[in-house]
Amino acid sequence: MGVFTYQQETTSTVAPAKLYKALVHDADDIIVKAVDEIKSIEIVEGNGGPGTIKKLNFVEGGQNLYVLHKIEGIDEANFGYNYSIVGGAGLSDTVEKISFEAKLVEGPNGGSIGKMTVKVQTKGDAKPIEKEVEEGKAKGDALFKAIEGYVLANPNY
């Protein structure tokens, strides 16, 4: 098994505590409102804490698809959230698991910087397909910006 690591940063004008609440605590409700393609999110196993597996149902290219998302860790004090994609359309035939270590830190002018470490664990000695990595990064950024947009559009959130 190979492990390939990527770093990514995204900025926001929303303060870390407020954005963390939206991204972690209220994401299941916000995502279905903010992203047209995502139709529902349901807990398949667990109570919402580490070990919980969620099923995100979405439409892509006219097909109904899903991704299984496992919560690995939640660090409230440091605005951290670790999760993995463990099944569904988010994994190609050569990828076993994709792990995400996300953290929000204070950014300029009271905003936030989202820092993400992505680890792609491949099967055997396969290497990640660069196009899939780039598409994954773009989807991650789009999801972050959709939640940020929801918070900005709903000032009383």
N, C-alpha and C. Protein backbone atom coordinates (compact mmCIF):
# COMPACT_ATOMS: atom_id res chain seq x y z
N MET A 1 0.85 -1.18 0.00
CA MET A 1 0.00 0.00 0.00
C MET A 1 0.89 1.24 0.00
N GLY A 2 0.57 2.18 -0.86
CA GLY A 2 1.28 3.45 -0.90
C GLY A 2 0.46 4.53 -0.22
N VAL A 3 1.14 5.48 0.39
CA VAL A 3 0.46 6.63 1.00
C VAL A 3 1.05 7.89 0.37
N PHE A 4 0.19 8.69 -0.21
CA PHE A 4 0.59 9.92 -0.89
C PHE A 4 -0.08 11.09 -0.17
N THR A 5 0.71 12.09 0.21
CA THR A 5 0.22 13.18 1.03
C THR A 5 0.22 14.49 0.25
N TYR A 6 -0.85 15.25 0.41
CA TYR A 6 -1.02 16.55 -0.24
C TYR A 6 -1.44 17.57 0.81
N GLN A 7 -1.01 18.81 0.63
CA GLN A 7 -1.39 19.91 1.51
C GLN A 7 -2.27 20.88 0.73
N GLN A 8 -3.20 21.49 1.44
CA GLN A 8 -4.10 22.44 0.80
C GLN A 8 -4.50 23.50 1.82
N GLU A 9 -4.64 24.74 1.38
CA GLU A 9 -5.12 25.83 2.24
C GLU A 9 -6.20 26.61 1.53
N THR A 10 -7.19 27.04 2.31
CA THR A 10 -8.28 27.86 1.79
C THR A 10 -8.55 28.96 2.81
N THR A 11 -8.81 30.17 2.32
CA THR A 11 -9.07 31.28 3.24
C THR A 11 -10.56 31.62 3.25
N SER A 12 -10.97 32.24 4.34
CA SER A 12 -12.36 32.66 4.51
C SER A 12 -12.39 33.96 5.30
N THR A 13 -13.43 34.73 5.09
CA THR A 13 -13.62 35.96 5.86
C THR A 13 -14.39 35.68 7.15
N VAL A 14 -14.86 34.45 7.34
CA VAL A 14 -15.65 34.07 8.52
C VAL A 14 -14.69 33.66 9.64
N ALA A 15 -14.99 34.09 10.86
CA ALA A 15 -14.17 33.77 12.03
C ALA A 15 -14.11 32.25 12.25
N PRO A 16 -12.98 31.74 12.77
CA PRO A 16 -12.82 30.30 12.93
C PRO A 16 -13.92 29.60 13.73
N ALA A 17 -14.33 30.15 14.86
CA ALA A 17 -15.34 29.48 15.70
C ALA A 17 -16.67 29.34 14.96
N LYS A 18 -17.07 30.38 14.28
CA LYS A 18 -18.35 30.35 13.55
C LYS A 18 -18.27 29.39 12.36
N LEU A 19 -17.16 29.43 11.62
CA LEU A 19 -16.99 28.57 10.47
C LEU A 19 -16.87 27.11 10.90
N TYR A 20 -16.18 26.85 12.01
CA TYR A 20 -16.04 25.48 12.53
C TYR A 20 -17.40 24.91 12.90
N LYS A 21 -18.23 25.72 13.53
CA LYS A 21 -19.58 25.28 13.89
C LYS A 21 -20.34 24.86 12.63
N ALA A 22 -20.23 25.65 11.58
CA ALA A 22 -20.93 25.34 10.33
C ALA A 22 -20.34 24.10 9.64
N LEU A 23 -19.01 24.01 9.62
CA LEU A 23 -18.35 22.92 8.92
C LEU A 23 -18.45 21.58 9.64
N VAL A 24 -18.51 21.61 10.97
CA VAL A 24 -18.47 20.36 11.73
C VAL A 24 -19.82 20.05 12.37
N HIS A 25 -20.36 20.96 13.14
CA HIS A 25 -21.57 20.66 13.91
C HIS A 25 -22.85 20.71 13.09
N ASP A 26 -22.93 21.66 12.17
CA ASP A 26 -24.18 21.86 11.42
C ASP A 26 -24.07 21.48 9.95
N ALA A 27 -22.96 20.87 9.57
CA ALA A 27 -22.70 20.59 8.15
C ALA A 27 -23.77 19.72 7.51
N ASP A 28 -24.28 18.72 8.22
CA ASP A 28 -25.27 17.83 7.61
C ASP A 28 -26.51 18.60 7.15
N ASP A 29 -26.90 19.60 7.90
CA ASP A 29 -28.07 20.43 7.52
C ASP A 29 -27.70 21.47 6.46
N ILE A 30 -26.55 22.09 6.64
CA ILE A 30 -26.15 23.18 5.73
C ILE A 30 -25.81 22.66 4.33
N ILE A 31 -25.10 21.55 4.26
CA ILE A 31 -24.63 21.05 2.96
C ILE A 31 -25.79 20.80 2.01
N VAL A 32 -26.87 20.18 2.49
CA VAL A 32 -28.00 19.88 1.60
C VAL A 32 -28.71 21.16 1.15
N LYS A 33 -28.56 22.24 1.90
CA LYS A 33 -29.13 23.53 1.51
C LYS A 33 -28.20 24.30 0.57
N ALA A 34 -26.89 24.14 0.77
CA ALA A 34 -25.91 24.96 0.06
C ALA A 34 -25.36 24.31 -1.22
N VAL A 35 -25.49 22.99 -1.35
CA VAL A 35 -24.94 22.28 -2.51
C VAL A 35 -26.06 21.49 -3.18
N ASP A 36 -26.49 21.95 -4.35
CA ASP A 36 -27.62 21.33 -5.04
C ASP A 36 -27.43 19.85 -5.32
N GLU A 37 -26.20 19.44 -5.63
CA GLU A 37 -25.93 18.05 -6.00
C GLU A 37 -26.11 17.08 -4.83
N ILE A 38 -25.89 17.56 -3.60
CA ILE A 38 -26.01 16.68 -2.43
C ILE A 38 -27.46 16.66 -1.98
N LYS A 39 -28.04 15.48 -1.99
CA LYS A 39 -29.47 15.31 -1.72
C LYS A 39 -29.77 14.98 -0.26
N SER A 40 -28.89 14.22 0.40
CA SER A 40 -29.13 13.88 1.81
C SER A 40 -27.85 13.37 2.44
N ILE A 41 -27.84 13.45 3.77
CA ILE A 41 -26.73 12.91 4.56
C ILE A 41 -27.37 12.14 5.70
N GLU A 42 -26.95 10.90 5.88
CA GLU A 42 -27.53 10.08 6.94
C GLU A 42 -26.43 9.37 7.71
N ILE A 43 -26.66 9.18 9.00
CA ILE A 43 -25.73 8.41 9.82
C ILE A 43 -26.04 6.94 9.62
N VAL A 44 -25.03 6.19 9.18
CA VAL A 44 -25.17 4.75 8.95
C VAL A 44 -24.80 3.99 10.22
N GLU A 45 -23.82 4.53 10.93
CA GLU A 45 -23.31 3.87 12.14
C GLU A 45 -22.74 4.92 13.07
N GLY A 46 -23.00 4.79 14.38
CA GLY A 46 -22.41 5.68 15.36
C GLY A 46 -23.36 6.76 15.85
N ASN A 47 -22.79 7.66 16.68
CA ASN A 47 -23.59 8.69 17.34
C ASN A 47 -23.19 10.11 16.96
N GLY A 48 -22.38 10.27 15.92
CA GLY A 48 -21.94 11.59 15.49
C GLY A 48 -20.52 11.92 15.89
N GLY A 49 -19.94 11.15 16.80
CA GLY A 49 -18.56 11.36 17.23
C GLY A 49 -17.60 10.49 16.44
N PRO A 50 -16.35 10.42 16.90
CA PRO A 50 -15.37 9.57 16.23
C PRO A 50 -15.88 8.14 16.06
N GLY A 51 -15.62 7.58 14.89
CA GLY A 51 -16.10 6.24 14.56
C GLY A 51 -17.40 6.24 13.78
N THR A 52 -18.10 7.37 13.78
CA THR A 52 -19.36 7.48 13.06
C THR A 52 -19.12 7.40 11.56
N ILE A 53 -20.01 6.68 10.88
CA ILE A 53 -19.96 6.61 9.42
C ILE A 53 -21.22 7.27 8.88
N LYS A 54 -21.01 8.23 7.97
CA LYS A 54 -22.12 8.95 7.33
C LYS A 54 -22.15 8.61 5.85
N LYS A 55 -23.35 8.58 5.31
CA LYS A 55 -23.55 8.34 3.88
C LYS A 55 -24.05 9.63 3.26
N LEU A 56 -23.26 10.18 2.34
CA LEU A 56 -23.63 11.40 1.61
C LEU A 56 -24.16 10.98 0.25
N ASN A 57 -25.43 11.22 0.01
CA ASN A 57 -26.08 10.87 -1.25
C ASN A 57 -26.09 12.09 -2.16
N PHE A 58 -25.65 11.91 -3.41
CA PHE A 58 -25.57 13.03 -4.33
C PHE A 58 -25.84 12.58 -5.76
N VAL A 59 -26.06 13.55 -6.61
CA VAL A 59 -26.29 13.29 -8.04
C VAL A 59 -25.12 13.90 -8.81
N GLU A 60 -24.53 13.08 -9.68
CA GLU A 60 -23.42 13.55 -10.51
C GLU A 60 -23.57 12.91 -11.88
N GLY A 61 -23.58 13.74 -12.91
CA GLY A 61 -23.75 13.22 -14.27
C GLY A 61 -25.05 12.46 -14.46
N GLY A 62 -26.08 12.88 -13.74
CA GLY A 62 -27.39 12.24 -13.85
C GLY A 62 -27.51 10.93 -13.07
N GLN A 63 -26.46 10.52 -12.37
CA GLN A 63 -26.49 9.29 -11.59
C GLN A 63 -26.62 9.58 -10.10
N ASN A 64 -27.37 8.74 -9.39
CA ASN A 64 -27.44 8.80 -7.94
C ASN A 64 -26.25 8.03 -7.38
N LEU A 65 -25.39 8.73 -6.64
CA LEU A 65 -24.18 8.14 -6.08
C LEU A 65 -24.11 8.42 -4.58
N TYR A 66 -23.13 7.83 -3.92
CA TYR A 66 -22.93 8.11 -2.50
C TYR A 66 -21.45 7.99 -2.16
N VAL A 67 -21.10 8.57 -1.01
CA VAL A 67 -19.76 8.47 -0.44
C VAL A 67 -19.95 8.11 1.03
N LEU A 68 -19.13 7.19 1.52
CA LEU A 68 -19.13 6.87 2.95
C LEU A 68 -17.99 7.65 3.59
N HIS A 69 -18.34 8.40 4.62
CA HIS A 69 -17.46 9.36 5.29
C HIS A 69 -17.36 8.90 6.75
N LYS A 70 -16.16 8.57 7.21
CA LYS A 70 -15.96 8.12 8.59
C LYS A 70 -15.26 9.21 9.40
N ILE A 71 -15.86 9.59 10.51
CA ILE A 71 -15.25 10.59 11.40
C ILE A 71 -14.14 9.91 12.18
N GLU A 72 -12.93 10.41 12.05
CA GLU A 72 -11.77 9.84 12.74
C GLU A 72 -11.47 10.57 14.05
N GLY A 73 -11.70 11.89 14.07
CA GLY A 73 -11.40 12.66 15.28
C GLY A 73 -11.97 14.06 15.21
N ILE A 74 -12.33 14.58 16.38
CA ILE A 74 -12.85 15.94 16.50
C ILE A 74 -12.06 16.62 17.62
N ASP A 75 -11.46 17.76 17.31
CA ASP A 75 -10.68 18.51 18.29
C ASP A 75 -11.28 19.91 18.41
N GLU A 76 -12.27 20.01 19.29
CA GLU A 76 -13.00 21.28 19.47
C GLU A 76 -12.07 22.43 19.85
N ALA A 77 -11.13 22.18 20.75
CA ALA A 77 -10.27 23.25 21.27
C ALA A 77 -9.39 23.87 20.19
N ASN A 78 -9.00 23.06 19.20
CA ASN A 78 -8.11 23.55 18.15
C ASN A 78 -8.78 23.61 16.78
N PHE A 79 -10.13 23.56 16.76
CA PHE A 79 -10.91 23.61 15.52
C PHE A 79 -10.42 22.57 14.51
N GLY A 80 -10.21 21.34 15.00
CA GLY A 80 -9.75 20.27 14.13
C GLY A 80 -10.83 19.24 13.86
N TYR A 81 -10.77 18.65 12.69
CA TYR A 81 -11.73 17.62 12.29
C TYR A 81 -11.04 16.68 11.32
N ASN A 82 -10.95 15.40 11.68
CA ASN A 82 -10.31 14.41 10.83
C ASN A 82 -11.35 13.39 10.39
N TYR A 83 -11.34 13.08 9.11
CA TYR A 83 -12.29 12.10 8.58
C TYR A 83 -11.67 11.37 7.40
N SER A 84 -12.32 10.29 6.99
CA SER A 84 -11.85 9.52 5.85
C SER A 84 -13.01 9.18 4.94
N ILE A 85 -12.72 9.06 3.66
CA ILE A 85 -13.67 8.49 2.72
C ILE A 85 -13.31 7.01 2.66
N VAL A 86 -14.27 6.16 3.06
CA VAL A 86 -13.99 4.73 3.18
C VAL A 86 -14.80 3.87 2.21
N GLY A 87 -15.65 4.51 1.40
CA GLY A 87 -16.42 3.73 0.43
C GLY A 87 -17.23 4.62 -0.48
N GLY A 88 -17.79 4.01 -1.49
CA GLY A 88 -18.65 4.72 -2.42
C GLY A 88 -17.90 5.33 -3.58
N ALA A 89 -18.55 6.28 -4.22
CA ALA A 89 -18.05 6.88 -5.46
C ALA A 89 -16.77 7.69 -5.26
N GLY A 90 -16.42 8.01 -4.03
CA GLY A 90 -15.23 8.81 -3.77
C GLY A 90 -13.93 8.05 -3.90
N LEU A 91 -14.02 6.72 -4.08
CA LEU A 91 -12.82 5.90 -4.16
C LEU A 91 -12.75 5.19 -5.52
N SER A 92 -11.64 5.35 -6.20
CA SER A 92 -11.44 4.61 -7.45
C SER A 92 -11.01 3.19 -7.11
N ASP A 93 -10.86 2.36 -8.13
CA ASP A 93 -10.47 0.96 -7.93
C ASP A 93 -9.08 0.82 -7.32
N THR A 94 -8.21 1.81 -7.48
CA THR A 94 -6.85 1.71 -6.98
C THR A 94 -6.65 2.36 -5.61
N VAL A 95 -7.70 2.98 -5.07
CA VAL A 95 -7.58 3.69 -3.79
C VAL A 95 -8.35 2.95 -2.70
N GLU A 96 -7.67 2.72 -1.58
CA GLU A 96 -8.29 2.04 -0.46
C GLU A 96 -9.02 3.01 0.46
N LYS A 97 -8.40 4.16 0.69
CA LYS A 97 -8.97 5.12 1.65
C LYS A 97 -8.33 6.48 1.40
N ILE A 98 -9.11 7.54 1.64
CA ILE A 98 -8.57 8.90 1.57
C ILE A 98 -8.85 9.54 2.93
N SER A 99 -7.79 9.97 3.61
CA SER A 99 -7.92 10.58 4.93
C SER A 99 -7.67 12.08 4.85
N PHE A 100 -8.45 12.82 5.64
CA PHE A 100 -8.37 14.28 5.66
C PHE A 100 -8.14 14.74 7.09
N GLU A 101 -7.13 15.56 7.29
CA GLU A 101 -6.89 16.20 8.59
C GLU A 101 -7.09 17.69 8.37
N ALA A 102 -8.19 18.20 8.90
CA ALA A 102 -8.55 19.60 8.67
C ALA A 102 -8.45 20.40 9.96
N LYS A 103 -8.03 21.64 9.82
CA LYS A 103 -7.91 22.53 10.97
C LYS A 103 -8.14 23.96 10.51
N LEU A 104 -8.88 24.70 11.32
CA LEU A 104 -9.07 26.13 11.06
C LEU A 104 -8.18 26.92 12.01
N VAL A 105 -7.51 27.93 11.47
CA VAL A 105 -6.71 28.82 12.29
C VAL A 105 -7.15 30.26 12.00
N GLU A 106 -6.79 31.14 12.89
CA GLU A 106 -7.10 32.56 12.74
C GLU A 106 -6.43 33.09 11.48
N GLY A 107 -7.21 33.78 10.67
CA GLY A 107 -6.68 34.38 9.45
C GLY A 107 -6.65 35.89 9.57
N PRO A 108 -6.32 36.57 8.49
CA PRO A 108 -6.28 38.04 8.52
C PRO A 108 -7.66 38.65 8.71
N ASN A 109 -7.69 39.77 9.39
CA ASN A 109 -8.91 40.57 9.58
C ASN A 109 -10.06 39.79 10.22
N GLY A 110 -9.73 38.88 11.14
CA GLY A 110 -10.76 38.12 11.85
C GLY A 110 -11.31 36.93 11.10
N GLY A 111 -10.76 36.64 9.94
CA GLY A 111 -11.21 35.50 9.14
C GLY A 111 -10.51 34.21 9.54
N SER A 112 -10.56 33.24 8.65
CA SER A 112 -10.00 31.92 8.92
C SER A 112 -9.12 31.46 7.78
N ILE A 113 -8.23 30.55 8.12
CA ILE A 113 -7.48 29.81 7.12
C ILE A 113 -7.76 28.33 7.40
N GLY A 114 -8.28 27.66 6.40
CA GLY A 114 -8.51 26.23 6.50
C GLY A 114 -7.29 25.50 5.99
N LYS A 115 -6.70 24.67 6.85
CA LYS A 115 -5.51 23.91 6.46
C LYS A 115 -5.90 22.43 6.40
N MET A 116 -5.58 21.81 5.28
CA MET A 116 -5.98 20.43 5.06
C MET A 116 -4.79 19.59 4.62
N THR A 117 -4.62 18.46 5.27
CA THR A 117 -3.66 17.46 4.83
C THR A 117 -4.47 16.28 4.33
N VAL A 118 -4.23 15.87 3.10
CA VAL A 118 -4.95 14.76 2.47
C VAL A 118 -3.96 13.63 2.26
N LYS A 119 -4.34 12.43 2.74
CA LYS A 119 -3.51 11.24 2.55
C LYS A 119 -4.30 10.23 1.75
N VAL A 120 -3.78 9.91 0.57
CA VAL A 120 -4.41 8.93 -0.31
C VAL A 120 -3.68 7.61 -0.11
N GLN A 121 -4.41 6.60 0.37
CA GLN A 121 -3.83 5.27 0.58
C GLN A 121 -4.26 4.39 -0.58
N THR A 122 -3.29 4.00 -1.39
CA THR A 122 -3.60 3.21 -2.57
C THR A 122 -3.45 1.71 -2.30
N LYS A 123 -4.07 0.92 -3.16
CA LYS A 123 -3.96 -0.53 -3.08
C LYS A 123 -2.68 -0.97 -3.78
N GLY A 124 -1.98 -1.90 -3.15
CA GLY A 124 -0.75 -2.40 -3.74
C GLY A 124 0.25 -1.28 -3.95
N ASP A 125 0.87 -1.26 -5.12
CA ASP A 125 1.85 -0.20 -5.41
C ASP A 125 1.31 0.83 -6.40
N ALA A 126 -0.02 0.91 -6.49
CA ALA A 126 -0.65 1.89 -7.38
C ALA A 126 -0.36 3.31 -6.92
N LYS A 127 -0.33 4.20 -7.87
CA LYS A 127 -0.15 5.63 -7.58
C LYS A 127 -1.49 6.33 -7.83
N PRO A 128 -1.76 7.41 -7.11
CA PRO A 128 -3.01 8.13 -7.36
C PRO A 128 -3.02 8.72 -8.77
N ILE A 129 -4.19 8.79 -9.34
CA ILE A 129 -4.35 9.39 -10.66
C ILE A 129 -4.45 10.90 -10.46
N GLU A 130 -3.51 11.63 -11.06
CA GLU A 130 -3.42 13.08 -10.83
C GLU A 130 -4.72 13.81 -11.11
N LYS A 131 -5.43 13.41 -12.15
CA LYS A 131 -6.70 14.04 -12.49
C LYS A 131 -7.70 13.87 -11.34
N GLU A 132 -7.75 12.67 -10.73
CA GLU A 132 -8.65 12.42 -9.60
C GLU A 132 -8.26 13.26 -8.39
N VAL A 133 -6.95 13.41 -8.15
CA VAL A 133 -6.47 14.24 -7.04
C VAL A 133 -6.91 15.69 -7.24
N GLU A 134 -6.71 16.21 -8.46
CA GLU A 134 -7.10 17.60 -8.75
C GLU A 134 -8.62 17.79 -8.64
N GLU A 135 -9.39 16.82 -9.13
CA GLU A 135 -10.85 16.90 -9.01
C GLU A 135 -11.27 16.87 -7.54
N GLY A 136 -10.61 16.05 -6.74
CA GLY A 136 -10.90 15.98 -5.31
C GLY A 136 -10.62 17.29 -4.60
N LYS A 137 -9.48 17.91 -4.94
CA LYS A 137 -9.15 19.21 -4.36
C LYS A 137 -10.20 20.26 -4.73
N ALA A 138 -10.61 20.26 -5.99
CA ALA A 138 -11.61 21.23 -6.45
C ALA A 138 -12.94 21.02 -5.74
N LYS A 139 -13.34 19.77 -5.55
CA LYS A 139 -14.60 19.48 -4.85
C LYS A 139 -14.52 19.91 -3.39
N GLY A 140 -13.37 19.67 -2.76
CA GLY A 140 -13.18 20.08 -1.38
C GLY A 140 -13.27 21.59 -1.22
N ASP A 141 -12.61 22.31 -2.12
CA ASP A 141 -12.67 23.78 -2.09
C ASP A 141 -14.09 24.27 -2.32
N ALA A 142 -14.80 23.64 -3.26
CA ALA A 142 -16.17 24.05 -3.57
C ALA A 142 -17.08 23.82 -2.38
N LEU A 143 -16.90 22.71 -1.67
CA LEU A 143 -17.73 22.44 -0.49
C LEU A 143 -17.45 23.45 0.61
N PHE A 144 -16.17 23.74 0.85
CA PHE A 144 -15.77 24.74 1.85
C PHE A 144 -16.40 26.09 1.52
N LYS A 145 -16.30 26.50 0.26
CA LYS A 145 -16.83 27.80 -0.16
C LYS A 145 -18.36 27.82 -0.12
N ALA A 146 -19.01 26.69 -0.39
CA ALA A 146 -20.48 26.64 -0.31
C ALA A 146 -20.95 26.83 1.13
N ILE A 147 -20.27 26.20 2.07
CA ILE A 147 -20.64 26.36 3.48
C ILE A 147 -20.33 27.78 3.93
N GLU A 148 -19.17 28.30 3.54
CA GLU A 148 -18.83 29.69 3.85
C GLU A 148 -19.90 30.63 3.28
N GLY A 149 -20.30 30.40 2.04
CA GLY A 149 -21.32 31.22 1.39
C GLY A 149 -22.64 31.18 2.13
N TYR A 150 -23.01 30.01 2.63
CA TYR A 150 -24.25 29.89 3.41
C TYR A 150 -24.16 30.74 4.68
N VAL A 151 -23.03 30.66 5.37
CA VAL A 151 -22.86 31.43 6.60
C VAL A 151 -22.90 32.92 6.31
N LEU A 152 -22.24 33.36 5.25
CA LEU A 152 -22.23 34.77 4.89
C LEU A 152 -23.62 35.26 4.46
N ALA A 153 -24.39 34.40 3.80
CA ALA A 153 -25.73 34.77 3.33
C ALA A 153 -26.77 34.74 4.46
N ASN A 154 -26.41 34.13 5.57
CA ASN A 154 -27.32 34.03 6.72
C ASN A 154 -26.63 34.62 7.94
N PRO A 155 -26.57 35.95 8.04
CA PRO A 155 -25.80 36.61 9.08
C PRO A 155 -26.24 36.25 10.51
N ASN A 156 -27.46 35.80 10.68
CA ASN A 156 -27.92 35.42 12.01
C ASN A 156 -27.62 33.97 12.35
N TYR A 157 -26.90 33.30 11.44
CA TYR A 157 -26.56 31.89 11.68
C TYR A 157 -25.73 31.79 12.94
